[in-house]
Amino acid sequence: MSVSLYDVGIIGGGPAGSTMASYLAQAGLSCVVLEAEHFPRSHVGESLVPATTPVLAEIGALEKVEKAGFPRKYGAAWTAAVDDSIPRMGFQGLHRGFRLADIRFSERDQPDVHQDHTYHVDRARFDELLLDHASELGAVVRQGARVQRVDLEGDIKRLTYRTGGTGGVEETVRARMVVDASGRGTLLGRQLKLKESDPVFDQYAVHTWFEDLDRQAVSGTEDRADYIFIHFLPLSDTWVWQIPITDTITSIGVVTQKSRFKEAAANDLEAFFWDSIDSRPELGRALRAARRVRPFKSEGDYSYAVRELCGDGWLLIGDAARYVDPIFSSGVSVALNSARMAARDIIAAHAAGDFTRQRFAAYEGKLRKAVHNWYEFISIYYRLNILFTAFVQDPRYRGDVLKMLQGDVYDAEEPAALGKMREVLREVEADPHHLWHRHLGQLRATAPATGA
């Protein structure tokens, strides 16, 4: 058994863990990253938002990401199979009705973002790039090192991990501070019994990759062909993502509620996928003309909260801290920005020689407020359903909505558009005869989960 002592032990080498390691290594702290898998490894969640750009720049990885040749992402679009009979109800800018809405990130200046695009990424390549970058900066990276348990007692923490699979060897490292970046596995959240399933969001996704999808035909114009597209389906609380991975490969995923998934998809992912896609015939035709190049995969248990995000000598970042829903590509943004915020506090704690909980209380509060904004936005979005596009297009609210879609939610202030969206939603919900009432989604989120 080998025992080494580091300033910080990081569980997980995904975007949150590797970003944390890069910040710490830049600051001269010793850190070890214990990653259960061997990179490259495939991972869902392939579209970034502009809020990741300042973080990538600060750790010195932005130039590498740009040189990697990932498709540039200039904006986002939403489509729905509806006619023009839905009343505008005083909303402005709905020149295309509710059928299509789009935004371009460059419409709004974002602090510390000096380019008009972010990226769609093959997560196998992107995650490996970030982990290699952390290693180059001086972080110790151990792949194939699956953490089994963490002893948090005392000033020095012990992380026990296994290499070589089930029959492999157990080893231990010691650290003054432990950062859980284990993703949806939430290692410390489970060990400390802090993880709670979300009472409202219970999403499942079935996804795959297609080659030679005619994205220009689907988008209706060449200018939007490389946007992320969200296609509303005429099925309760069900939608499709369309994300360019390369010039010719596109990621397609169907997201729905667990109840519908269990009824229809448990035994036949392919049939569920095509039954869902074919509810939008034009989308079904376009995908059938392309070639599927990956097996169908499912992802579940998307949304959960964790009651505490930090303690004496430990804290949680990224998906290990909270995950709501993939709808606005917030996962990698929360991973990178939570690592950015937490790293500052860890570096200060190291300088003070004090890793007690109060050192990280500000981080916990700021992250909770930011994720609360995401939660509220996503909750209202699902209930408004296709009516959400009215807010995207109306110039009175477009800037605020764009701010959230850029991932610019870490200033802890609730965007004003959320209040207006909430007000409109309450009005429509309260009146069964309202002309918008029948278009509401079924998912209701009356209050955030514990720890939101």
Protein backbone atom coordinates (compact mmCIF):
# COMPACT_ATOMS: atom_id res chain seq x y z
CA MET A 1 0.00 0.00 0.00
CA SER A 2 1.44 3.36 -1.05
CA VAL A 3 0.50 6.45 0.95
CA SER A 4 1.26 9.92 -0.38
CA LEU A 5 0.30 13.34 1.00
CA TYR A 6 -1.13 16.09 -1.21
CA ASP A 7 -2.66 19.45 -0.52
CA VAL A 8 -5.82 18.39 -2.37
CA GLY A 9 -7.22 15.04 -3.47
CA ILE A 10 -9.72 15.26 -6.34
CA ILE A 11 -12.22 12.49 -7.04
CA GLY A 12 -12.95 12.39 -10.77
CA GLY A 13 -11.12 13.67 -13.84
CA GLY A 14 -14.04 15.00 -15.86
CA PRO A 15 -14.34 18.73 -16.68
CA ALA A 16 -14.95 19.72 -13.03
CA GLY A 17 -12.04 17.73 -11.62
CA SER A 18 -9.55 18.61 -14.34
CA THR A 19 -10.44 22.30 -14.15
CA MET A 20 -10.01 22.28 -10.38
CA ALA A 21 -6.65 20.53 -10.78
CA SER A 22 -5.51 23.12 -13.33
CA TYR A 23 -6.35 26.05 -11.05
CA LEU A 24 -4.64 24.44 -8.08
CA ALA A 25 -1.54 23.44 -10.03
CA GLN A 26 -1.24 26.96 -11.44
CA ALA A 27 -1.31 28.27 -7.86
CA GLY A 28 1.45 25.89 -6.78
CA LEU A 29 -0.66 23.49 -4.72
CA SER A 30 0.03 19.77 -4.94
CA CYS A 31 -2.99 17.80 -6.07
CA VAL A 32 -3.87 14.32 -7.26
CA VAL A 33 -6.76 13.43 -9.56
CA LEU A 34 -8.20 9.94 -9.09
CA GLU A 35 -10.21 9.03 -12.19
CA ALA A 36 -12.06 5.71 -12.28
CA GLU A 37 -11.93 5.26 -16.06
CA HIS A 38 -9.24 5.38 -18.70
CA PHE A 39 -9.51 8.33 -21.08
CA PRO A 40 -10.64 8.82 -23.76
CA ARG A 41 -14.10 7.66 -22.77
CA SER A 42 -17.43 8.63 -24.31
CA HIS A 43 -19.74 10.91 -22.37
CA VAL A 44 -23.03 12.62 -23.06
CA GLY A 45 -23.39 16.41 -22.71
CA GLU A 46 -21.61 17.72 -25.77
CA SER A 47 -22.65 21.37 -26.10
CA LEU A 48 -21.00 24.23 -24.20
CA VAL A 49 -22.29 27.68 -23.31
CA PRO A 50 -20.25 30.92 -23.43
CA ALA A 51 -19.86 30.99 -19.62
CA THR A 52 -17.23 28.26 -20.02
CA THR A 53 -14.99 30.52 -22.12
CA PRO A 54 -13.49 32.67 -19.30
CA VAL A 55 -12.68 29.54 -17.31
CA LEU A 56 -10.94 27.84 -20.22
CA ALA A 57 -8.98 31.05 -20.81
CA GLU A 58 -7.91 31.36 -17.16
CA ILE A 59 -6.54 27.83 -16.96
CA GLY A 60 -4.75 28.25 -20.29
CA ALA A 61 -6.80 25.67 -22.20
CA LEU A 62 -8.88 27.88 -24.50
CA GLU A 63 -6.28 27.98 -27.27
CA LYS A 64 -6.03 24.18 -27.16
CA VAL A 65 -9.81 23.84 -27.42
CA GLU A 66 -9.86 26.21 -30.37
CA LYS A 67 -7.03 24.36 -32.11
CA ALA A 68 -8.74 21.00 -31.55
CA GLY A 69 -11.18 21.93 -34.33
CA PHE A 70 -14.44 21.40 -32.43
CA PRO A 71 -17.45 22.86 -34.28
CA ARG A 72 -18.07 26.44 -33.28
CA LYS A 73 -21.41 27.13 -31.62
CA TYR A 74 -22.76 30.58 -32.40
CA GLY A 75 -26.28 30.21 -31.06
CA ALA A 76 -29.31 28.09 -30.23
CA ALA A 77 -32.71 27.46 -31.80
CA TRP A 78 -36.05 25.92 -30.87
CA THR A 79 -38.62 24.38 -33.19
CA ALA A 80 -42.18 23.19 -32.64
CA ALA A 81 -44.79 21.54 -34.86
CA VAL A 82 -47.55 24.09 -34.34
CA ASP A 83 -49.67 26.22 -36.65
CA ASP A 84 -50.10 29.98 -36.51
CA SER A 85 -53.40 29.86 -34.63
CA ILE A 86 -51.88 30.37 -31.17
CA PRO A 87 -52.75 33.93 -30.09
CA ARG A 88 -49.79 36.29 -29.59
CA MET A 89 -51.33 37.71 -26.39
CA GLY A 90 -49.51 41.02 -26.80
CA PHE A 91 -46.06 39.47 -27.27
CA GLN A 92 -43.82 41.18 -29.79
CA GLY A 93 -41.37 39.90 -32.36
CA LEU A 94 -43.19 36.63 -33.16
CA HIS A 95 -42.70 36.97 -36.90
CA ARG A 96 -42.44 33.18 -37.24
CA GLY A 97 -45.06 32.49 -34.60
CA PHE A 98 -44.14 29.76 -32.13
CA ARG A 99 -42.67 27.40 -34.73
CA LEU A 100 -39.09 28.69 -34.64
CA ALA A 101 -37.10 30.86 -32.30
CA ASP A 102 -33.36 31.40 -32.27
CA ILE A 103 -30.71 33.47 -30.56
CA ARG A 104 -27.14 34.37 -31.45
CA PHE A 105 -24.72 34.68 -28.54
CA SER A 106 -23.05 37.77 -30.04
CA GLU A 107 -26.27 39.76 -29.56
CA ARG A 108 -25.24 40.44 -25.96
CA ASP A 109 -21.83 41.35 -24.59
CA GLN A 110 -20.83 38.98 -21.80
CA PRO A 111 -18.19 39.86 -19.20
CA ASP A 112 -14.79 38.25 -19.89
CA VAL A 113 -16.03 36.62 -23.12
CA HIS A 114 -14.08 37.97 -26.08
CA GLN A 115 -15.26 35.69 -28.87
CA ASP A 116 -18.63 35.31 -30.57
CA HIS A 117 -18.81 31.53 -30.23
CA THR A 118 -18.44 28.62 -27.88
CA TYR A 119 -18.15 24.96 -28.95
CA HIS A 120 -19.90 21.67 -29.57
CA VAL A 121 -17.51 19.00 -28.35
CA ASP A 122 -16.88 15.31 -28.61
CA ARG A 123 -16.65 14.77 -24.87
CA ALA A 124 -14.17 11.92 -25.25
CA ARG A 125 -11.70 14.31 -26.87
CA PHE A 126 -12.64 17.40 -24.83
CA ASP A 127 -12.42 15.72 -21.44
CA GLU A 128 -9.10 14.08 -22.32
CA LEU A 129 -7.75 17.44 -23.50
CA LEU A 130 -8.63 19.07 -20.16
CA LEU A 131 -7.22 16.20 -18.09
CA ASP A 132 -3.97 16.16 -20.07
CA HIS A 133 -3.77 19.92 -19.63
CA ALA A 134 -4.05 19.59 -15.85
CA SER A 135 -1.29 17.01 -15.92
CA GLU A 136 0.95 19.30 -17.97
CA LEU A 137 0.45 22.04 -15.38
CA GLY A 138 1.73 19.70 -12.66
CA ALA A 139 -1.29 17.85 -11.29
CA VAL A 140 -0.76 14.15 -10.61
CA VAL A 141 -3.33 12.16 -12.61
CA ARG A 142 -4.10 8.52 -11.92
CA GLN A 143 -6.50 6.90 -14.37
CA GLY A 144 -8.22 3.60 -13.68
CA ALA A 145 -8.23 4.60 -9.99
CA ARG A 146 -11.76 4.10 -8.66
CA VAL A 147 -12.23 5.68 -5.23
CA GLN A 148 -13.90 3.27 -2.81
CA ARG A 149 -14.26 5.42 0.28
CA VAL A 150 -13.00 8.59 1.89
CA ASP A 151 -12.03 8.95 5.55
CA LEU A 152 -12.82 12.55 6.46
CA GLU A 153 -11.85 12.34 10.12
CA GLY A 154 -9.00 14.52 11.31
CA ASP A 155 -6.95 17.15 9.53
CA ILE A 156 -5.53 14.67 7.02
CA LYS A 157 -8.09 12.89 4.84
CA ARG A 158 -7.54 9.44 3.36
CA LEU A 159 -8.81 8.45 -0.09
CA THR A 160 -8.80 4.71 -0.72
CA TYR A 161 -9.02 3.67 -4.36
CA ARG A 162 -8.81 0.47 -6.35
CA THR A 163 -6.85 -0.12 -9.53
CA GLY A 164 -7.24 -3.06 -11.87
CA GLY A 165 -10.98 -3.61 -11.44
CA THR A 166 -12.84 -5.68 -8.86
CA GLY A 167 -9.91 -7.97 -8.15
CA GLY A 168 -7.37 -5.19 -8.21
CA VAL A 169 -5.17 -3.60 -5.62
CA GLU A 170 -6.32 -1.05 -3.06
CA GLU A 171 -4.12 1.98 -2.51
CA THR A 172 -4.45 5.11 -0.41
CA VAL A 173 -3.49 8.74 -0.77
CA ARG A 174 -3.71 11.38 1.90
CA ALA A 175 -4.76 14.98 1.42
CA ARG A 176 -5.47 18.03 3.51
CA MET A 177 -8.56 18.73 1.39
CA VAL A 178 -10.89 16.50 -0.66
CA VAL A 179 -12.83 17.72 -3.69
CA ASP A 180 -15.60 15.48 -4.98
CA ALA A 181 -15.87 15.90 -8.76
CA SER A 182 -17.24 12.39 -9.29
CA GLY A 183 -20.15 13.56 -11.44
CA ARG A 184 -23.57 11.96 -11.14
CA GLY A 185 -21.98 9.20 -9.08
CA THR A 186 -21.81 11.79 -6.26
CA LEU A 187 -19.41 9.68 -4.20
CA LEU A 188 -19.38 11.86 -1.07
CA GLY A 189 -23.06 12.69 -1.47
CA ARG A 190 -23.83 8.99 -1.26
CA GLN A 191 -21.24 8.18 1.41
CA LEU A 192 -22.50 10.97 3.67
CA LYS A 193 -26.16 10.28 2.74
CA LEU A 194 -26.64 13.83 1.47
CA LYS A 195 -28.06 13.07 -1.99
CA GLU A 196 -31.79 13.59 -2.60
CA SER A 197 -33.74 12.84 -5.76
CA ASP A 198 -35.52 15.83 -7.22
CA PRO A 199 -39.28 15.68 -6.49
CA VAL A 200 -40.23 17.04 -9.91
CA PHE A 201 -37.58 16.41 -12.56
CA ASP A 202 -37.21 12.73 -13.30
CA GLN A 203 -35.81 12.69 -16.80
CA TYR A 204 -34.45 9.97 -19.03
CA ALA A 205 -32.67 10.34 -22.36
CA VAL A 206 -32.11 7.96 -25.26
CA HIS A 207 -29.35 9.17 -27.55
CA THR A 208 -27.04 8.23 -30.41
CA TRP A 209 -24.94 9.76 -33.20
CA PHE A 210 -25.85 10.09 -36.89
CA GLU A 211 -23.59 10.74 -39.84
CA ASP A 212 -24.54 12.94 -42.80
CA LEU A 213 -27.69 14.43 -41.30
CA ASP A 214 -28.73 17.35 -43.50
CA ARG A 215 -28.55 19.94 -40.73
CA GLN A 216 -29.12 22.79 -43.14
CA ALA A 217 -32.44 21.29 -44.22
CA VAL A 218 -33.50 20.75 -40.61
CA SER A 219 -32.51 24.27 -39.58
CA GLY A 220 -34.07 25.91 -42.60
CA THR A 221 -30.99 28.01 -43.31
CA GLU A 222 -27.23 27.65 -43.57
CA ASP A 223 -26.73 30.36 -40.92
CA ARG A 224 -28.24 28.16 -38.20
CA ALA A 225 -26.96 24.77 -39.35
CA ASP A 226 -24.32 24.59 -36.58
CA TYR A 227 -26.54 25.87 -33.77
CA ILE A 228 -27.75 23.55 -31.07
CA PHE A 229 -31.39 22.76 -31.87
CA ILE A 230 -34.10 21.86 -29.39
CA HIS A 231 -37.09 20.30 -31.11
CA PHE A 232 -40.32 20.27 -29.12
CA LEU A 233 -42.27 17.06 -29.70
CA PRO A 234 -46.07 16.88 -29.55
CA LEU A 235 -45.67 14.52 -26.59
CA SER A 236 -45.93 15.51 -22.96
CA ASP A 237 -42.67 17.04 -21.64
CA THR A 238 -40.58 15.42 -24.39
CA TRP A 239 -37.99 17.08 -26.58
CA VAL A 240 -35.03 16.30 -28.83
CA TRP A 241 -31.52 17.73 -28.84
CA GLN A 242 -29.54 18.13 -32.06
CA ILE A 243 -25.84 18.88 -31.55
CA PRO A 244 -23.12 18.99 -34.22
CA ILE A 245 -20.11 16.88 -33.16
CA THR A 246 -18.05 17.17 -36.35
CA ASP A 247 -18.75 18.49 -39.82
CA THR A 248 -20.63 15.28 -40.59
CA ILE A 249 -21.66 13.72 -37.25
CA THR A 250 -24.62 14.92 -35.19
CA SER A 251 -25.67 13.88 -31.69
CA ILE A 252 -29.42 13.29 -31.34
CA GLY A 253 -31.14 12.61 -28.03
CA VAL A 254 -34.76 12.20 -26.93
CA VAL A 255 -35.47 13.41 -23.38
CA THR A 256 -38.68 12.47 -21.59
CA GLN A 257 -40.11 11.84 -18.14
CA LYS A 258 -39.17 8.58 -16.43
CA SER A 259 -42.78 7.34 -16.37
CA ARG A 260 -43.04 7.49 -20.15
CA PHE A 261 -39.56 6.03 -20.57
CA LYS A 262 -40.34 3.04 -18.34
CA GLU A 263 -43.60 2.34 -20.17
CA ALA A 264 -42.17 2.52 -23.66
CA ALA A 265 -38.40 2.23 -23.68
CA ALA A 266 -37.22 -0.21 -21.04
CA ASN A 267 -37.04 -3.16 -23.42
CA ASP A 268 -36.53 -1.45 -26.78
CA LEU A 269 -34.56 1.78 -26.88
CA GLU A 270 -34.59 1.90 -30.67
CA ALA A 271 -38.36 1.59 -30.94
CA PHE A 272 -38.84 4.26 -28.28
CA PHE A 273 -36.42 6.59 -30.05
CA TRP A 274 -38.11 6.29 -33.45
CA ASP A 275 -41.65 6.43 -32.05
CA SER A 276 -40.72 9.71 -30.39
CA ILE A 277 -38.86 11.14 -33.39
CA ASP A 278 -41.65 10.20 -35.81
CA SER A 279 -44.08 12.44 -33.90
CA ARG A 280 -42.26 15.16 -35.87
CA PRO A 281 -42.40 13.56 -39.36
CA GLU A 282 -40.00 16.03 -40.99
CA LEU A 283 -37.39 15.26 -38.34
CA GLY A 284 -37.98 11.53 -38.72
CA ARG A 285 -37.48 11.71 -42.47
CA ALA A 286 -34.23 13.68 -42.12
CA LEU A 287 -32.78 11.23 -39.57
CA ARG A 288 -33.78 8.15 -41.56
CA ALA A 289 -31.89 9.57 -44.52
CA ALA A 290 -28.75 9.75 -42.34
CA ARG A 291 -26.68 6.83 -41.01
CA ARG A 292 -26.58 5.91 -37.33
CA VAL A 293 -22.99 5.35 -36.20
CA ARG A 294 -23.40 4.58 -32.49
CA PRO A 295 -25.63 2.22 -30.49
CA PHE A 296 -28.61 3.68 -28.69
CA LYS A 297 -27.80 4.51 -25.07
CA SER A 298 -29.98 5.67 -22.18
CA GLU A 299 -29.18 8.08 -19.37
CA GLY A 300 -31.34 8.45 -16.27
CA ASP A 301 -31.59 9.91 -12.80
CA TYR A 302 -30.76 13.30 -14.23
CA SER A 303 -31.97 15.52 -11.43
CA TYR A 304 -31.01 15.52 -7.79
CA ALA A 305 -29.85 17.81 -5.00
CA VAL A 306 -27.26 17.45 -2.24
CA ARG A 307 -28.09 18.86 1.19
CA GLU A 308 -24.57 20.08 1.98
CA LEU A 309 -21.91 21.09 -0.52
CA CYS A 310 -18.99 21.44 1.89
CA GLY A 311 -17.62 20.52 5.29
CA ASP A 312 -14.35 20.54 7.18
CA GLY A 313 -11.76 19.64 4.57
CA TRP A 314 -14.15 18.69 1.75
CA LEU A 315 -16.45 20.14 -0.87
CA LEU A 316 -18.44 19.12 -3.95
CA ILE A 317 -18.28 20.62 -7.44
CA GLY A 318 -19.99 20.05 -10.79
CA ASP A 319 -22.54 17.27 -11.14
CA ALA A 320 -21.44 15.87 -7.78
CA ALA A 321 -23.00 18.98 -6.21
CA ARG A 322 -26.22 19.33 -8.22
CA TYR A 323 -27.79 18.44 -11.53
CA VAL A 324 -31.13 19.62 -12.83
CA ASP A 325 -31.70 18.84 -16.51
CA PRO A 326 -29.73 18.88 -19.78
CA ILE A 327 -32.09 21.30 -21.56
CA PHE A 328 -29.84 24.40 -21.56
CA SER A 329 -26.44 22.68 -21.74
CA SER A 330 -25.66 23.82 -18.21
CA GLY A 331 -23.73 20.74 -17.06
CA VAL A 332 -20.21 21.59 -18.27
CA SER A 333 -20.74 25.25 -17.40
CA VAL A 334 -21.63 24.40 -13.80
CA ALA A 335 -18.66 22.00 -13.71
CA LEU A 336 -16.13 24.60 -14.85
CA ASN A 337 -17.57 27.56 -12.96
CA SER A 338 -18.05 25.69 -9.69
CA ALA A 339 -14.41 24.56 -9.96
CA ARG A 340 -13.37 28.16 -10.63
CA MET A 341 -15.24 29.51 -7.58
CA ALA A 342 -14.21 26.70 -5.26
CA ALA A 343 -10.56 26.81 -6.33
CA ARG A 344 -10.28 30.43 -5.21
CA ASP A 345 -11.50 29.49 -1.74
CA ILE A 346 -9.26 26.43 -1.53
CA ILE A 347 -6.18 28.44 -2.53
CA ALA A 348 -7.04 31.03 0.14
CA ALA A 349 -7.67 28.28 2.71
CA HIS A 350 -4.31 26.72 1.90
CA ALA A 351 -2.56 30.05 2.37
CA ALA A 352 -4.27 30.46 5.75
CA GLY A 353 -3.65 26.86 6.77
CA ASP A 354 -7.36 26.52 7.52
CA PHE A 355 -9.60 24.09 5.62
CA THR A 356 -12.62 24.29 7.96
CA ARG A 357 -16.14 24.53 6.61
CA GLN A 358 -16.62 28.27 7.06
CA ARG A 359 -13.87 28.85 4.50
CA PHE A 360 -16.19 27.45 1.81
CA ALA A 361 -19.56 28.81 2.96
CA ALA A 362 -19.42 31.68 0.43
CA TYR A 363 -18.76 29.20 -2.38
CA GLU A 364 -21.71 27.06 -1.30
CA GLY A 365 -24.05 30.05 -1.14
CA LYS A 366 -22.99 31.42 -4.52
CA LEU A 367 -23.29 28.07 -6.29
CA ARG A 368 -26.70 27.40 -4.74
CA LYS A 369 -28.02 30.76 -5.94
CA ALA A 370 -26.67 30.21 -9.44
CA VAL A 371 -28.15 26.72 -9.70
CA HIS A 372 -31.40 28.02 -8.23
CA ASN A 373 -31.62 30.42 -11.19
CA TRP A 374 -31.07 27.49 -13.55
CA TYR A 375 -33.70 25.46 -11.68
CA GLU A 376 -36.30 28.21 -11.85
CA PHE A 377 -35.57 28.87 -15.51
CA ILE A 378 -35.84 25.20 -16.44
CA SER A 379 -38.97 24.67 -14.32
CA ILE A 380 -40.81 27.55 -15.97
CA TYR A 381 -39.51 26.52 -19.38
CA TYR A 382 -41.01 23.04 -19.08
CA ARG A 383 -44.37 24.35 -17.91
CA LEU A 384 -44.54 27.04 -20.60
CA ASN A 385 -43.58 24.46 -23.21
CA ILE A 386 -43.68 25.95 -26.72
CA LEU A 387 -44.86 29.28 -25.26
CA PHE A 388 -41.28 29.78 -24.05
CA THR A 389 -40.39 30.88 -27.57
CA ALA A 390 -42.49 34.01 -27.03
CA PHE A 391 -39.98 35.21 -24.45
CA VAL A 392 -37.03 34.30 -26.67
CA GLN A 393 -38.38 36.48 -29.48
CA ASP A 394 -39.88 39.42 -27.61
CA PRO A 395 -37.32 42.26 -27.50
CA ARG A 396 -38.50 43.22 -24.00
CA TYR A 397 -37.25 39.91 -22.55
CA ARG A 398 -34.79 38.65 -25.14
CA GLY A 399 -31.69 40.12 -23.49
CA ASP A 400 -32.47 38.57 -20.12
CA VAL A 401 -33.26 35.20 -21.65
CA LEU A 402 -30.05 35.36 -23.67
CA LYS A 403 -28.09 36.12 -20.49
CA MET A 404 -29.31 32.85 -18.98
CA LEU A 405 -28.73 30.92 -22.18
CA GLN A 406 -25.15 32.20 -22.22
CA GLY A 407 -24.77 30.64 -18.77
CA ASP A 408 -24.24 34.06 -17.20
CA VAL A 409 -25.97 33.15 -13.92
CA TYR A 410 -23.15 33.35 -11.40
CA ASP A 411 -23.72 36.93 -10.23
CA ALA A 412 -26.45 35.55 -7.91
CA GLU A 413 -29.09 38.00 -9.13
CA GLU A 414 -32.32 36.55 -10.48
CA PRO A 415 -32.78 37.74 -14.08
CA ALA A 416 -35.80 40.01 -14.43
CA ALA A 417 -37.27 37.89 -17.23
CA LEU A 418 -37.77 35.05 -14.76
CA GLY A 419 -40.20 37.18 -12.79
CA LYS A 420 -42.19 38.01 -15.92
CA MET A 421 -42.20 34.38 -17.06
CA ARG A 422 -43.44 33.32 -13.63
CA GLU A 423 -46.16 35.99 -13.71
CA VAL A 424 -47.43 34.94 -17.14
CA LEU A 425 -47.33 31.28 -16.16
CA ARG A 426 -49.42 31.85 -13.03
CA GLU A 427 -51.97 33.80 -15.03
CA VAL A 428 -52.33 31.04 -17.61
CA GLU A 429 -52.44 28.26 -15.01
CA ALA A 430 -55.13 30.02 -13.00
CA ASP A 431 -57.53 30.34 -15.94
CA PRO A 432 -58.58 27.08 -17.67
CA HIS A 433 -60.20 29.21 -20.37
CA HIS A 434 -57.04 31.16 -21.11
CA LEU A 435 -56.15 30.91 -24.79
CA TRP A 436 -52.71 29.57 -23.87
CA HIS A 437 -53.83 27.08 -21.22
CA ARG A 438 -54.05 24.03 -23.48
CA HIS A 439 -50.48 24.55 -24.67
CA LEU A 440 -48.91 24.28 -21.20
CA GLY A 441 -46.57 21.40 -20.44
CA GLN A 442 -47.56 18.87 -17.79
CA LEU A 443 -44.45 19.08 -15.61
CA ARG A 444 -44.95 21.29 -12.59
CA ALA A 445 -42.25 22.56 -10.24
CA THR A 446 -43.90 24.44 -7.38
CA ALA A 447 -40.70 24.77 -5.37
CA PRO A 448 -37.05 23.81 -5.78
CA ALA A 449 -35.80 20.61 -4.25
CA THR A 450 -33.86 20.75 -0.99
CA GLY A 451 -30.47 22.22 -1.70
CA ALA A 452 -31.49 23.85 -4.98
